[in-house]
Amino acid sequence: MKQIWAPWRAEYIHGRRLSRCIFCKEHSEDDKRELVLYKGDCAAVMMNKFPYTNGHLLVYPWKHTSSLEDIAEEETSELFELIKGSVSILKKEMNPGGFNIGMNLGKDAGAGIEEHLHFHIVPRWNGDTNFMPVISETRVMPEHLQFTYDKLFPYFQKLKP
């Protein structure tokens, strides 16, 4: 019998919730541990610690808000540039066949962290879905999170002005 080892998922499965917002700049301390790939003036990019696929990224404003209407034009511009840059980097390094890009606004829409809006960028490959999530609520990740981080980090450093 083969085993699937994904210890980083236990934090999510057991429902451990942080008392601080993972997206707020004042709480961002250890970029590598927190999987932060890029910090801009108004927004940032981090890897999702509980990904759907390898390379699942989160793009978010520094402003702590759950409302799109609260985001200023400058913040909107940087967010979209980071989404474009992230897609470009993922295409170069991971060669996905496509992407799911979106956000869940509000708990009823499925937001896991509803108090701070963020975009999901999920690279997709032909055949990346299988029976495991359906039968055992388990996703099989072929690459360790830290390995993916180390692979993507240099690309994101080139985005800095």
N, C-alpha and C. Protein backbone atom coordinates (compact mmCIF):
# COMPACT_ATOMS: atom_id res chain seq x y z
N MET A 1 0.84 -1.18 0.00
CA MET A 1 0.00 0.00 0.00
C MET A 1 0.89 1.25 0.00
N LYS A 2 0.53 2.24 -0.80
CA LYS A 2 1.28 3.49 -0.85
C LYS A 2 0.66 4.50 0.09
N GLN A 3 1.50 5.38 0.62
CA GLN A 3 1.02 6.42 1.52
C GLN A 3 1.11 7.77 0.83
N ILE A 4 0.21 8.64 1.18
CA ILE A 4 0.27 10.03 0.74
C ILE A 4 0.61 10.86 1.96
N TRP A 5 1.69 11.61 1.86
CA TRP A 5 2.17 12.38 3.01
C TRP A 5 2.03 13.87 2.70
N ALA A 6 1.19 14.54 3.44
CA ALA A 6 0.98 15.99 3.28
C ALA A 6 0.74 16.61 4.65
N PRO A 7 1.77 16.67 5.50
CA PRO A 7 1.57 17.13 6.88
C PRO A 7 1.12 18.57 7.01
N TRP A 8 1.41 19.41 6.03
CA TRP A 8 0.99 20.80 6.12
C TRP A 8 -0.53 20.95 6.06
N ARG A 9 -1.23 19.94 5.60
CA ARG A 9 -2.69 19.99 5.52
C ARG A 9 -3.35 19.81 6.89
N ALA A 10 -2.65 19.24 7.87
CA ALA A 10 -3.24 18.97 9.18
C ALA A 10 -3.73 20.26 9.83
N GLU A 11 -3.00 21.34 9.65
CA GLU A 11 -3.40 22.63 10.22
C GLU A 11 -4.78 23.04 9.71
N TYR A 12 -5.03 22.81 8.44
CA TYR A 12 -6.32 23.14 7.84
C TYR A 12 -7.40 22.17 8.29
N ILE A 13 -7.08 20.89 8.24
CA ILE A 13 -8.05 19.84 8.59
C ILE A 13 -8.55 20.00 10.03
N HIS A 14 -7.64 20.31 10.95
CA HIS A 14 -8.00 20.44 12.35
C HIS A 14 -8.60 21.80 12.69
N GLY A 15 -8.73 22.64 11.69
CA GLY A 15 -9.42 23.91 11.87
C GLY A 15 -8.68 24.94 12.69
N ARG A 16 -7.37 24.83 12.81
CA ARG A 16 -6.60 25.82 13.56
C ARG A 16 -6.70 27.16 12.85
N ARG A 17 -7.20 28.13 13.54
CA ARG A 17 -7.36 29.47 12.96
C ARG A 17 -6.40 30.43 13.66
N LEU A 18 -5.81 31.28 12.86
CA LEU A 18 -4.89 32.27 13.41
C LEU A 18 -5.67 33.43 14.01
N SER A 19 -5.11 34.05 15.02
CA SER A 19 -5.75 35.21 15.64
C SER A 19 -5.41 36.48 14.88
N ARG A 20 -4.53 36.39 13.92
CA ARG A 20 -4.14 37.56 13.12
C ARG A 20 -4.44 37.28 11.65
N CYS A 21 -4.55 38.33 10.88
CA CYS A 21 -4.83 38.19 9.46
C CYS A 21 -3.53 37.88 8.71
N ILE A 22 -3.50 36.79 7.97
CA ILE A 22 -2.28 36.40 7.26
C ILE A 22 -1.94 37.35 6.12
N PHE A 23 -2.90 38.18 5.70
CA PHE A 23 -2.67 39.08 4.57
C PHE A 23 -2.23 40.49 4.98
N CYS A 24 -2.28 40.82 6.23
CA CYS A 24 -1.95 42.18 6.66
C CYS A 24 -0.44 42.38 6.78
N LYS A 25 0.03 43.50 6.26
CA LYS A 25 1.45 43.79 6.19
C LYS A 25 2.13 43.77 7.56
N GLU A 26 1.47 44.29 8.58
CA GLU A 26 2.10 44.36 9.90
C GLU A 26 2.36 42.99 10.52
N HIS A 27 1.74 41.95 9.98
CA HIS A 27 1.95 40.61 10.51
C HIS A 27 2.88 39.79 9.62
N SER A 28 3.33 40.38 8.52
CA SER A 28 4.20 39.67 7.58
C SER A 28 5.64 39.78 8.04
N GLU A 29 6.19 38.67 8.56
CA GLU A 29 7.52 38.71 9.15
C GLU A 29 8.52 37.79 8.46
N ASP A 30 8.20 36.53 8.32
CA ASP A 30 9.12 35.55 7.76
C ASP A 30 8.58 35.10 6.41
N ASP A 31 9.02 35.78 5.35
CA ASP A 31 8.47 35.53 4.01
C ASP A 31 8.56 34.07 3.59
N LYS A 32 9.69 33.45 3.81
CA LYS A 32 9.85 32.06 3.37
C LYS A 32 8.92 31.12 4.14
N ARG A 33 8.84 31.28 5.44
CA ARG A 33 7.96 30.43 6.26
C ARG A 33 6.49 30.67 5.91
N GLU A 34 6.16 31.94 5.64
CA GLU A 34 4.78 32.30 5.31
C GLU A 34 4.47 32.15 3.82
N LEU A 35 5.45 31.71 3.05
CA LEU A 35 5.32 31.46 1.61
C LEU A 35 5.01 32.73 0.81
N VAL A 36 5.48 33.89 1.28
CA VAL A 36 5.29 35.15 0.56
C VAL A 36 6.34 35.25 -0.52
N LEU A 37 5.89 35.39 -1.76
CA LEU A 37 6.79 35.46 -2.91
C LEU A 37 7.15 36.89 -3.29
N TYR A 38 6.24 37.83 -3.02
CA TYR A 38 6.45 39.20 -3.48
C TYR A 38 5.70 40.18 -2.59
N LYS A 39 6.36 41.29 -2.28
CA LYS A 39 5.72 42.37 -1.52
C LYS A 39 5.87 43.67 -2.32
N GLY A 40 4.73 44.22 -2.71
CA GLY A 40 4.74 45.48 -3.42
C GLY A 40 4.31 46.62 -2.51
N ASP A 41 4.09 47.79 -3.09
CA ASP A 41 3.66 48.95 -2.32
C ASP A 41 2.24 48.79 -1.79
N CYS A 42 1.36 48.25 -2.62
CA CYS A 42 -0.06 48.14 -2.26
C CYS A 42 -0.57 46.71 -2.14
N ALA A 43 0.21 45.75 -2.64
CA ALA A 43 -0.28 44.38 -2.71
C ALA A 43 0.87 43.39 -2.64
N ALA A 44 0.53 42.11 -2.48
CA ALA A 44 1.54 41.07 -2.35
C ALA A 44 1.03 39.76 -2.96
N VAL A 45 1.96 38.80 -3.07
CA VAL A 45 1.65 37.47 -3.59
C VAL A 45 2.23 36.44 -2.63
N MET A 46 1.41 35.46 -2.28
CA MET A 46 1.90 34.33 -1.49
C MET A 46 1.36 33.04 -2.08
N MET A 47 2.05 31.96 -1.76
CA MET A 47 1.53 30.65 -2.12
C MET A 47 0.44 30.26 -1.15
N ASN A 48 -0.54 29.53 -1.62
CA ASN A 48 -1.59 29.02 -0.75
C ASN A 48 -1.03 27.84 0.04
N LYS A 49 -1.09 27.93 1.35
CA LYS A 49 -0.57 26.86 2.21
C LYS A 49 -1.43 25.60 2.11
N PHE A 50 -2.67 25.75 1.63
CA PHE A 50 -3.59 24.63 1.47
C PHE A 50 -4.06 24.59 0.01
N PRO A 51 -3.14 24.29 -0.91
CA PRO A 51 -3.42 24.46 -2.35
C PRO A 51 -4.36 23.42 -2.95
N TYR A 52 -5.01 23.84 -4.04
CA TYR A 52 -5.78 22.91 -4.86
C TYR A 52 -4.85 22.16 -5.80
N THR A 53 -3.84 22.89 -6.34
CA THR A 53 -2.81 22.29 -7.19
C THR A 53 -1.49 22.96 -6.83
N ASN A 54 -0.40 22.36 -7.28
CA ASN A 54 0.90 23.01 -7.07
C ASN A 54 0.92 24.35 -7.79
N GLY A 55 1.50 25.35 -7.13
CA GLY A 55 1.57 26.68 -7.72
C GLY A 55 0.34 27.53 -7.45
N HIS A 56 -0.57 27.08 -6.60
CA HIS A 56 -1.78 27.85 -6.25
C HIS A 56 -1.34 29.11 -5.49
N LEU A 57 -1.57 30.27 -6.08
CA LEU A 57 -1.13 31.54 -5.50
C LEU A 57 -2.30 32.38 -5.02
N LEU A 58 -2.00 33.26 -4.07
CA LEU A 58 -2.97 34.23 -3.56
C LEU A 58 -2.39 35.63 -3.78
N VAL A 59 -3.16 36.49 -4.40
CA VAL A 59 -2.76 37.89 -4.63
C VAL A 59 -3.72 38.75 -3.83
N TYR A 60 -3.18 39.67 -3.03
CA TYR A 60 -4.02 40.40 -2.09
C TYR A 60 -3.50 41.81 -1.86
N PRO A 61 -4.43 42.73 -1.54
CA PRO A 61 -4.00 44.09 -1.18
C PRO A 61 -3.52 44.10 0.27
N TRP A 62 -2.67 45.07 0.61
CA TRP A 62 -2.28 45.23 2.01
C TRP A 62 -3.45 45.73 2.84
N LYS A 63 -4.31 46.51 2.21
CA LYS A 63 -5.45 47.07 2.94
C LYS A 63 -6.36 45.96 3.46
N HIS A 64 -6.65 46.00 4.74
CA HIS A 64 -7.51 44.99 5.36
C HIS A 64 -8.97 45.36 5.10
N THR A 65 -9.54 44.72 4.09
CA THR A 65 -10.93 44.97 3.73
C THR A 65 -11.52 43.73 3.07
N SER A 66 -12.81 43.59 3.20
CA SER A 66 -13.51 42.50 2.53
C SER A 66 -14.32 43.03 1.35
N SER A 67 -14.20 44.32 1.08
CA SER A 67 -15.01 44.97 0.06
C SER A 67 -14.18 45.45 -1.13
N LEU A 68 -14.57 45.04 -2.32
CA LEU A 68 -13.90 45.53 -3.53
C LEU A 68 -14.02 47.05 -3.67
N GLU A 69 -15.14 47.58 -3.19
CA GLU A 69 -15.38 49.02 -3.31
C GLU A 69 -14.39 49.85 -2.48
N ASP A 70 -13.73 49.24 -1.51
CA ASP A 70 -12.76 49.94 -0.67
C ASP A 70 -11.37 50.03 -1.29
N ILE A 71 -11.17 49.35 -2.41
CA ILE A 71 -9.84 49.31 -3.03
C ILE A 71 -9.69 50.50 -3.98
N ALA A 72 -8.64 51.28 -3.75
CA ALA A 72 -8.37 52.47 -4.57
C ALA A 72 -7.81 52.06 -5.94
N GLU A 73 -7.82 52.99 -6.87
CA GLU A 73 -7.36 52.74 -8.24
C GLU A 73 -5.90 52.24 -8.26
N GLU A 74 -5.05 52.86 -7.46
CA GLU A 74 -3.64 52.46 -7.39
C GLU A 74 -3.50 51.01 -6.91
N GLU A 75 -4.30 50.63 -5.93
CA GLU A 75 -4.28 49.27 -5.41
C GLU A 75 -4.81 48.28 -6.45
N THR A 76 -5.88 48.66 -7.12
CA THR A 76 -6.46 47.82 -8.17
C THR A 76 -5.45 47.58 -9.27
N SER A 77 -4.74 48.62 -9.66
CA SER A 77 -3.74 48.52 -10.71
C SER A 77 -2.63 47.55 -10.31
N GLU A 78 -2.11 47.68 -9.09
CA GLU A 78 -1.04 46.79 -8.66
C GLU A 78 -1.53 45.35 -8.52
N LEU A 79 -2.74 45.16 -8.01
CA LEU A 79 -3.31 43.82 -7.90
C LEU A 79 -3.36 43.14 -9.26
N PHE A 80 -3.88 43.87 -10.26
CA PHE A 80 -4.03 43.25 -11.57
C PHE A 80 -2.67 43.00 -12.22
N GLU A 81 -1.71 43.90 -12.02
CA GLU A 81 -0.36 43.67 -12.55
C GLU A 81 0.27 42.44 -11.91
N LEU A 82 0.02 42.24 -10.62
CA LEU A 82 0.55 41.05 -9.94
C LEU A 82 -0.14 39.77 -10.42
N ILE A 83 -1.41 39.85 -10.73
CA ILE A 83 -2.11 38.69 -11.29
C ILE A 83 -1.50 38.34 -12.64
N LYS A 84 -1.32 39.36 -13.49
CA LYS A 84 -0.71 39.13 -14.81
C LYS A 84 0.71 38.57 -14.67
N GLY A 85 1.51 39.18 -13.80
CA GLY A 85 2.88 38.71 -13.59
C GLY A 85 2.93 37.29 -13.05
N SER A 86 2.02 36.98 -12.14
CA SER A 86 1.97 35.62 -11.55
C SER A 86 1.64 34.58 -12.62
N VAL A 87 0.68 34.88 -13.47
CA VAL A 87 0.32 33.96 -14.55
C VAL A 87 1.51 33.75 -15.47
N SER A 88 2.19 34.82 -15.81
CA SER A 88 3.36 34.73 -16.69
C SER A 88 4.46 33.86 -16.08
N ILE A 89 4.73 34.06 -14.79
CA ILE A 89 5.75 33.27 -14.08
C ILE A 89 5.35 31.79 -14.02
N LEU A 90 4.10 31.52 -13.68
CA LEU A 90 3.64 30.14 -13.61
C LEU A 90 3.71 29.46 -14.98
N LYS A 91 3.40 30.19 -16.04
CA LYS A 91 3.51 29.63 -17.39
C LYS A 91 4.95 29.24 -17.70
N LYS A 92 5.89 30.12 -17.37
CA LYS A 92 7.31 29.85 -17.64
C LYS A 92 7.83 28.67 -16.84
N GLU A 93 7.54 28.65 -15.55
CA GLU A 93 8.17 27.67 -14.66
C GLU A 93 7.41 26.36 -14.55
N MET A 94 6.08 26.40 -14.64
CA MET A 94 5.30 25.19 -14.36
C MET A 94 4.53 24.66 -15.57
N ASN A 95 4.44 25.48 -16.62
CA ASN A 95 3.82 25.06 -17.88
C ASN A 95 2.42 24.46 -17.74
N PRO A 96 1.51 25.15 -17.03
CA PRO A 96 0.15 24.61 -16.93
C PRO A 96 -0.60 24.76 -18.26
N GLY A 97 -1.63 23.97 -18.42
CA GLY A 97 -2.45 24.06 -19.63
C GLY A 97 -3.49 25.16 -19.54
N GLY A 98 -3.76 25.65 -18.33
CA GLY A 98 -4.75 26.71 -18.13
C GLY A 98 -4.73 27.19 -16.69
N PHE A 99 -5.66 28.08 -16.36
CA PHE A 99 -5.73 28.66 -15.03
C PHE A 99 -7.18 28.86 -14.61
N ASN A 100 -7.43 28.75 -13.32
CA ASN A 100 -8.65 29.26 -12.71
C ASN A 100 -8.20 30.47 -11.91
N ILE A 101 -8.81 31.63 -12.16
CA ILE A 101 -8.48 32.85 -11.44
C ILE A 101 -9.77 33.45 -10.93
N GLY A 102 -9.81 33.75 -9.63
CA GLY A 102 -11.03 34.34 -9.09
C GLY A 102 -10.92 34.64 -7.62
N MET A 103 -12.03 35.08 -7.06
CA MET A 103 -12.09 35.38 -5.63
C MET A 103 -13.46 35.01 -5.10
N ASN A 104 -13.50 34.71 -3.83
CA ASN A 104 -14.75 34.40 -3.15
C ASN A 104 -15.02 35.56 -2.20
N LEU A 105 -16.02 36.35 -2.48
CA LEU A 105 -16.36 37.51 -1.64
C LEU A 105 -17.46 37.12 -0.67
N GLY A 106 -17.10 36.99 0.59
CA GLY A 106 -18.07 36.64 1.63
C GLY A 106 -18.11 35.17 1.94
N LYS A 107 -18.49 34.86 3.15
CA LYS A 107 -18.55 33.48 3.62
C LYS A 107 -19.50 32.63 2.77
N ASP A 108 -20.64 33.21 2.40
CA ASP A 108 -21.62 32.48 1.61
C ASP A 108 -21.11 32.12 0.22
N ALA A 109 -20.09 32.84 -0.24
CA ALA A 109 -19.49 32.56 -1.55
C ALA A 109 -18.31 31.59 -1.43
N GLY A 110 -18.01 31.18 -0.20
CA GLY A 110 -16.95 30.20 0.00
C GLY A 110 -15.62 30.78 0.46
N ALA A 111 -15.61 32.04 0.87
CA ALA A 111 -14.35 32.65 1.31
C ALA A 111 -13.87 32.00 2.59
N GLY A 112 -12.64 31.49 2.57
CA GLY A 112 -12.04 30.90 3.76
C GLY A 112 -11.57 31.97 4.73
N ILE A 113 -11.07 33.07 4.20
CA ILE A 113 -10.68 34.23 4.99
C ILE A 113 -11.51 35.39 4.46
N GLU A 114 -12.70 35.52 4.99
CA GLU A 114 -13.67 36.45 4.42
C GLU A 114 -13.39 37.91 4.74
N GLU A 115 -12.61 38.18 5.79
CA GLU A 115 -12.39 39.57 6.21
C GLU A 115 -11.32 40.30 5.41
N HIS A 116 -10.58 39.60 4.54
CA HIS A 116 -9.53 40.25 3.75
C HIS A 116 -9.59 39.69 2.34
N LEU A 117 -10.02 40.51 1.39
CA LEU A 117 -10.19 39.98 0.04
C LEU A 117 -8.86 39.56 -0.56
N HIS A 118 -8.93 38.56 -1.43
CA HIS A 118 -7.75 38.03 -2.09
C HIS A 118 -8.19 37.26 -3.34
N PHE A 119 -7.31 37.24 -4.32
CA PHE A 119 -7.54 36.51 -5.56
C PHE A 119 -6.80 35.18 -5.50
N HIS A 120 -7.41 34.15 -6.06
CA HIS A 120 -6.77 32.85 -6.20
C HIS A 120 -6.32 32.70 -7.65
N ILE A 121 -5.10 32.21 -7.83
CA ILE A 121 -4.61 31.83 -9.15
C ILE A 121 -4.26 30.36 -9.05
N VAL A 122 -5.02 29.52 -9.75
CA VAL A 122 -4.84 28.07 -9.65
C VAL A 122 -4.43 27.54 -11.02
N PRO A 123 -3.14 27.14 -11.15
CA PRO A 123 -2.73 26.52 -12.41
C PRO A 123 -3.41 25.17 -12.59
N ARG A 124 -3.73 24.83 -13.83
CA ARG A 124 -4.44 23.58 -14.11
C ARG A 124 -3.73 22.83 -15.24
N TRP A 125 -3.76 21.53 -15.15
CA TRP A 125 -3.19 20.65 -16.15
C TRP A 125 -4.22 19.61 -16.55
N ASN A 126 -4.16 19.14 -17.77
CA ASN A 126 -5.05 18.09 -18.22
C ASN A 126 -4.85 16.86 -17.33
N GLY A 127 -5.91 16.37 -16.72
CA GLY A 127 -5.83 15.19 -15.88
C GLY A 127 -5.41 15.47 -14.44
N ASP A 128 -5.41 16.75 -14.01
CA ASP A 128 -4.98 17.05 -12.63
C ASP A 128 -6.05 16.74 -11.60
N THR A 129 -7.22 16.34 -12.04
CA THR A 129 -8.25 15.91 -11.09
C THR A 129 -8.34 14.39 -11.17
N ASN A 130 -8.68 13.77 -10.05
CA ASN A 130 -8.80 12.32 -10.01
C ASN A 130 -9.80 11.93 -8.93
N PHE A 131 -9.84 10.69 -8.58
CA PHE A 131 -10.83 10.18 -7.64
C PHE A 131 -10.54 10.54 -6.18
N MET A 132 -9.31 10.89 -5.84
CA MET A 132 -8.93 11.10 -4.43
C MET A 132 -9.78 12.16 -3.72
N PRO A 133 -10.00 13.34 -4.29
CA PRO A 133 -10.83 14.31 -3.56
C PRO A 133 -12.27 13.84 -3.37
N VAL A 134 -12.78 13.10 -4.33
CA VAL A 134 -14.17 12.64 -4.26
C VAL A 134 -14.34 11.55 -3.22
N ILE A 135 -13.45 10.58 -3.21
CA ILE A 135 -13.59 9.43 -2.33
C ILE A 135 -13.06 9.69 -0.93
N SER A 136 -11.91 10.36 -0.82
CA SER A 136 -11.30 10.49 0.50
C SER A 136 -11.03 11.92 0.93
N GLU A 137 -11.57 12.90 0.19
CA GLU A 137 -11.35 14.31 0.51
C GLU A 137 -9.86 14.61 0.68
N THR A 138 -9.06 14.05 -0.24
CA THR A 138 -7.61 14.20 -0.21
C THR A 138 -7.14 14.64 -1.58
N ARG A 139 -6.26 15.63 -1.60
CA ARG A 139 -5.62 16.05 -2.85
C ARG A 139 -4.20 15.51 -2.86
N VAL A 140 -3.77 15.06 -3.99
CA VAL A 140 -2.41 14.56 -4.13
C VAL A 140 -1.56 15.67 -4.73
N MET A 141 -0.56 16.12 -3.97
CA MET A 141 0.33 17.18 -4.43
C MET A 141 1.66 16.54 -4.83
N PRO A 142 2.04 16.65 -6.10
CA PRO A 142 3.26 15.97 -6.54
C PRO A 142 4.55 16.67 -6.12
N GLU A 143 4.47 17.89 -5.62
CA GLU A 143 5.67 18.65 -5.27
C GLU A 143 5.49 19.31 -3.91
N HIS A 144 6.51 19.28 -3.07
CA HIS A 144 6.44 19.88 -1.74
C HIS A 144 6.32 21.40 -1.87
N LEU A 145 5.57 22.02 -0.97
CA LEU A 145 5.35 23.47 -1.01
C LEU A 145 6.66 24.26 -1.02
N GLN A 146 7.61 23.87 -0.18
CA GLN A 146 8.86 24.62 -0.08
C GLN A 146 9.68 24.51 -1.36
N PHE A 147 9.61 23.38 -2.03
CA PHE A 147 10.30 23.21 -3.30
C PHE A 147 9.70 24.14 -4.35
N THR A 148 8.38 24.21 -4.39
CA THR A 148 7.70 25.11 -5.33
C THR A 148 8.06 26.57 -5.01
N TYR A 149 8.06 26.92 -3.73
CA TYR A 149 8.43 28.28 -3.32
C TYR A 149 9.83 28.63 -3.81
N ASP A 150 10.79 27.76 -3.57
CA ASP A 150 12.17 28.02 -3.98
C ASP A 150 12.30 28.15 -5.50
N LYS A 151 11.47 27.46 -6.22
CA LYS A 151 11.48 27.52 -7.68
C LYS A 151 10.90 28.85 -8.19
N LEU A 152 9.82 29.31 -7.55
CA LEU A 152 9.12 30.52 -8.02
C LEU A 152 9.73 31.82 -7.49
N PHE A 153 10.31 31.80 -6.31
CA PHE A 153 10.80 33.02 -5.65
C PHE A 153 11.72 33.87 -6.53
N PRO A 154 12.73 33.31 -7.20
CA PRO A 154 13.60 34.17 -8.03
C PRO A 154 12.86 34.94 -9.13
N TYR A 155 11.84 34.34 -9.71
CA TYR A 155 11.06 35.01 -10.74
C TYR A 155 10.33 36.24 -10.16
N PHE A 156 9.77 36.09 -8.97
CA PHE A 156 9.03 37.19 -8.37
C PHE A 156 9.97 38.33 -7.95
N GLN A 157 11.21 38.02 -7.63
CA GLN A 157 12.16 39.08 -7.28
C GLN A 157 12.49 39.95 -8.48
N LYS A 158 12.36 39.38 -9.67
CA LYS A 158 12.60 40.14 -10.90
C LYS A 158 11.46 41.11 -11.21
N LEU A 159 10.31 40.94 -10.55
CA LEU A 159 9.20 41.87 -10.74
C LEU A 159 9.44 43.20 -10.05
N LYS A 160 10.34 43.21 -9.05
CA LYS A 160 10.57 44.44 -8.27
C LYS A 160 11.22 45.48 -9.15
N PRO A 161 10.78 46.75 -8.97
CA PRO A 161 11.33 47.83 -9.82
C PRO A 161 12.80 48.07 -9.57
